[in-house]
Structures are given as structure tokens and as C-alpha cells.
Amino acid sequence: MVNVEIHTPFIRLDDLLKLAGEVATGGHAKYVIQNGEVTLNGEPCLMRGKKLHEGDIVGFEGRQFKVVEK
């Protein structure tokens, strides 16, 4: 599991994928999210603007990313 540090109270799901380096563009993030390739706390998430908070865990391509507020 990889910790992704944020400096705000929340981050959008598509922005987290970009920050983690898993996608290069917002368009790519939109595509993988809408195709059901991304999970949030173990459940599929199709909302690219979903607000993530500290402790949320995102899964993508066999990897997991935990939101950590700095």
C-alpha cells in the first residue's frame, strides 16, 4: 500500500490518480474510473469527482493507495 499525502481536507478521486502517477491526464482518469477499474474502500467507484478524505483507500491495477493528510 502506498500512502498519498494531501495538504487539504479532501482530494477528488481523479486528482488522486494523477497525483499518485497512475494516470497522465484527467481524461485518462475519467476513462478508467467510468470503466469500473477503480475501487474506493473495496467497492467499485464510478464517480470521478468523489471527495476522498484521510484514511480512504483507492485500488487501481492491483495496487492500493491510502489518503494521508499531512
Protein backbone atom coordinates (compact mmCIF):
# COMPACT_ATOMS: atom_id res chain seq x y z
CA MET A 1 0.00 0.00 0.00
CA VAL A 2 1.27 3.43 -0.98
CA ASN A 3 0.48 6.49 1.14
CA VAL A 4 -0.53 9.55 -0.87
CA GLU A 5 -0.08 12.74 1.15
CA ILE A 6 -2.52 15.59 0.66
CA HIS A 7 -2.35 19.08 2.12
CA THR A 8 -6.08 19.80 2.02
CA PRO A 9 -9.08 18.29 3.85
CA PHE A 10 -10.02 16.23 0.76
CA ILE A 11 -8.95 15.33 -2.78
CA ARG A 12 -11.05 14.28 -5.76
CA LEU A 13 -10.67 10.71 -6.98
CA ASP A 14 -9.42 11.72 -10.43
CA ASP A 15 -6.87 14.09 -8.89
CA LEU A 16 -5.59 11.36 -6.58
CA LEU A 17 -4.91 9.07 -9.54
CA LYS A 18 -2.95 11.86 -11.21
CA LEU A 19 -1.06 12.74 -8.00
CA ALA A 20 -0.13 9.10 -7.49
CA GLY A 21 1.23 8.97 -11.05
CA GLU A 22 -1.19 6.24 -12.15
CA VAL A 23 -2.67 8.30 -14.99
CA ALA A 24 -1.16 11.12 -17.02
CA THR A 25 -4.28 13.17 -17.72
CA GLY A 26 -7.72 13.91 -16.38
CA GLY A 27 -9.19 12.29 -19.48
CA HIS A 28 -7.38 9.05 -18.76
CA ALA A 29 -8.56 9.19 -15.13
CA LYS A 30 -12.15 9.70 -16.31
CA TYR A 31 -11.86 6.70 -18.64
CA VAL A 32 -10.53 4.22 -16.06
CA ILE A 33 -12.99 5.40 -13.38
CA GLN A 34 -16.03 5.18 -15.66
CA ASN A 35 -14.92 1.73 -16.86
CA GLY A 36 -15.09 0.44 -13.28
CA GLU A 37 -11.34 -0.13 -12.98
CA VAL A 38 -11.06 1.86 -9.73
CA THR A 39 -12.25 0.88 -6.25
CA LEU A 40 -12.80 3.03 -3.19
CA ASN A 41 -12.57 1.26 0.15
CA GLY A 42 -13.05 -2.08 -1.60
CA GLU A 43 -16.11 -1.11 -3.66
CA PRO A 44 -16.19 -0.04 -7.32
CA CYS A 45 -16.46 3.74 -7.67
CA LEU A 46 -17.70 5.36 -10.88
CA MET A 47 -17.71 8.97 -9.62
CA ARG A 48 -14.55 10.75 -10.74
CA GLY A 49 -15.34 13.80 -8.59
CA LYS A 50 -15.82 11.72 -5.43
CA LYS A 51 -14.21 13.51 -2.48
CA LEU A 52 -11.67 11.38 -0.65
CA HIS A 53 -10.65 12.01 2.92
CA GLU A 54 -7.86 10.79 5.17
CA GLY A 55 -7.98 7.02 5.56
CA ASP A 56 -9.76 6.29 2.27
CA ILE A 57 -8.15 3.55 0.19
CA VAL A 58 -8.20 3.57 -3.60
CA GLY A 59 -7.44 0.46 -5.64
CA PHE A 60 -6.24 0.51 -9.23
CA GLU A 61 -4.46 -2.14 -11.33
CA GLY A 62 -3.66 -4.33 -8.34
CA ARG A 63 -2.19 -1.50 -6.25
CA GLN A 64 -3.69 0.35 -3.30
CA PHE A 65 -3.29 3.99 -2.34
CA LYS A 66 -4.16 5.35 1.10
CA VAL A 67 -5.06 9.02 1.55
CA VAL A 68 -2.94 10.59 4.29
CA GLU A 69 -3.43 14.22 5.31
CA LYS A 70 -0.18 15.99 6.11
